[in-house]
Each structure stands twice: as C-alpha cells, then as structure tokens.
Protein backbone atom coordinates (compact mmCIF):
# COMPACT_ATOMS: atom_id res chain seq x y z
CA MET A 1 139.02 3.33 89.45
CA PHE A 2 136.68 4.35 86.60
CA VAL A 3 135.19 0.84 86.53
CA ALA A 4 134.62 0.98 90.29
CA ILE A 5 132.75 4.27 89.97
CA ILE A 6 130.61 2.89 87.14
CA PHE A 7 129.86 -0.21 89.22
CA ALA A 8 128.97 1.97 92.21
CA ALA A 9 126.63 4.08 90.09
CA LEU A 10 124.91 0.99 88.70
CA ALA A 11 124.53 -0.52 92.16
CA ILE A 12 123.11 2.68 93.61
CA GLN A 13 120.77 3.07 90.66
CA ALA A 14 119.53 -0.50 91.07
CA ALA A 15 119.07 -0.21 94.85
CA PRO A 16 115.57 1.36 94.77
CA ALA A 17 114.36 -1.41 92.47
CA THR A 18 115.08 -4.01 95.15
CA ALA A 19 113.24 -2.16 97.91
CA SER A 20 109.88 -3.52 96.84
CA VAL A 21 111.28 -7.02 96.37
CA GLY A 22 112.48 -7.28 99.96
CA ALA A 23 109.45 -5.60 101.50
CA PRO A 24 107.89 -7.61 104.30
CA SER A 25 104.71 -9.39 103.39
CA ALA A 26 101.37 -8.34 104.82
CA GLU A 27 100.75 -11.87 106.07
CA PRO A 28 100.86 -12.20 109.85
CA VAL A 29 103.48 -14.50 111.31
CA ASN A 30 101.97 -17.63 112.77
CA GLY A 31 102.61 -17.66 116.52
CA SER A 32 103.09 -21.43 116.51
CA GLN A 33 106.15 -21.26 114.24
CA SER A 34 109.41 -21.93 116.01
CA ALA A 35 112.42 -19.64 115.81
CA SER A 36 114.32 -22.23 113.74
CA VAL A 37 111.60 -22.24 111.06
CA GLN A 38 111.67 -18.44 110.90
CA ASP A 39 115.50 -18.47 110.69
CA ARG A 40 115.35 -21.04 107.88
CA ASP A 41 112.83 -18.92 105.98
CA SER A 42 115.00 -15.82 106.28
CA ARG A 43 118.06 -17.75 105.06
CA ASN A 44 116.07 -19.13 102.13
CA ASP A 45 114.94 -15.61 101.28
CA LEU A 46 118.58 -14.46 101.12
CA ASP A 47 119.43 -17.43 98.89
CA ARG A 48 116.60 -16.72 96.44
CA VAL A 49 117.82 -15.75 92.97
CA VAL A 50 116.79 -12.33 91.69
CA CYS A 51 117.34 -11.35 88.06
CA ARG A 52 117.58 -7.81 86.70
CA ARG A 53 117.92 -6.36 83.23
CA GLU A 54 120.81 -3.91 83.21
CA ASN A 55 122.49 -1.86 80.53
CA VAL A 56 126.07 -3.02 80.18
CA VAL A 57 128.77 -0.53 79.24
CA GLY A 58 129.66 -0.94 75.56
CA SER A 59 126.37 -2.56 74.58
CA ASN A 60 123.08 -1.14 73.40
CA ARG A 61 121.18 -4.21 74.54
CA PRO A 62 120.35 -4.79 78.21
CA GLN A 63 121.51 -8.07 79.67
CA ARG A 64 119.80 -10.26 82.22
CA ILE A 65 121.99 -10.54 85.30
CA CYS A 66 121.04 -13.01 88.04
CA HIS A 67 122.43 -13.26 91.59
CA THR A 68 121.10 -14.26 94.97
CA ARG A 69 119.69 -11.55 97.22
CA ARG A 70 122.74 -12.04 99.47
CA GLU A 71 125.10 -11.45 96.52
CA TRP A 72 123.17 -8.34 95.39
CA ALA A 73 123.43 -6.94 98.93
CA ALA A 74 127.17 -7.68 99.09
CA MET A 75 127.78 -6.01 95.71
CA ARG A 76 125.71 -2.97 96.73
CA GLU A 77 127.65 -2.68 100.00
CA ALA A 78 131.01 -3.05 98.22
CA ALA A 79 130.05 -0.37 95.70
CA GLN A 80 128.96 1.98 98.49
CA ASP A 81 132.23 1.35 100.36
CA THR A 82 134.23 2.07 97.20
CA LEU A 83 132.32 5.29 96.60
CA ASN A 84 132.76 6.42 100.22
CA ARG A 85 136.47 5.57 100.15
CA SER A 86 137.05 7.50 96.90
CA GLU A 87 135.18 10.55 98.26
CA ARG A 88 137.15 10.39 101.51
CA ASP A 89 140.45 10.05 99.65
CA SER A 90 139.67 12.98 97.33
CA VAL A 91 138.80 15.21 100.29
CA ASN A 92 141.97 14.16 102.11
CA SER A 93 144.12 14.91 99.07
CA LEU A 94 142.64 18.41 98.81
CA THR A 95 143.35 19.25 102.45
CA GLN A 96 146.99 18.14 102.36
C-alpha cells in the first residue's frame, strides 16, 4: 500500500512535465493527408519513447527512466486509480 501511494505521488508529480511534451504542434494539418496517415502518426506518437530523470526511493542519485508515451499514460492512470480507490476505501471505513 505504501509503495502504491509513493508511485501515485511520483506519477502525479511527473504529470505536469508531460503536458508540454504532448502539446499539439502549431503546424497546420495538411488537408490532403488521408485519415489512415493521421491515425498512423498518432499511433507512432504514442509509441515514441520518452525518458525522465526521477529520484528513486533509497537513492540520492536520480535515475533515467524510459517508457513509451502509452506506457507513461497507463502508469499515470493506474496510479490515479489506486489513489482514488484508497481515498474511497478510507472514507467508507470511517462511515461504517
């Protein structure tokens, strides 16, 4: 449980750092591009590897951690779900 809370805190802390990475570009979309090309580009964007330097518990030295954008999003969502579930469970235990 403690590890899940630490992971959730790290994921939430790292979330604002990815906002600028996933920001849409200022380039206009070419009207002649087909939907399949645009779908392929969005899939490739999710499969792009993004590395972050994070402080690891028990170490004074930050480590470089690399995952795809899809994996970062899945970890962030899992951490948020864990945090929401623990808050919901703690409230339910107080009301019973």
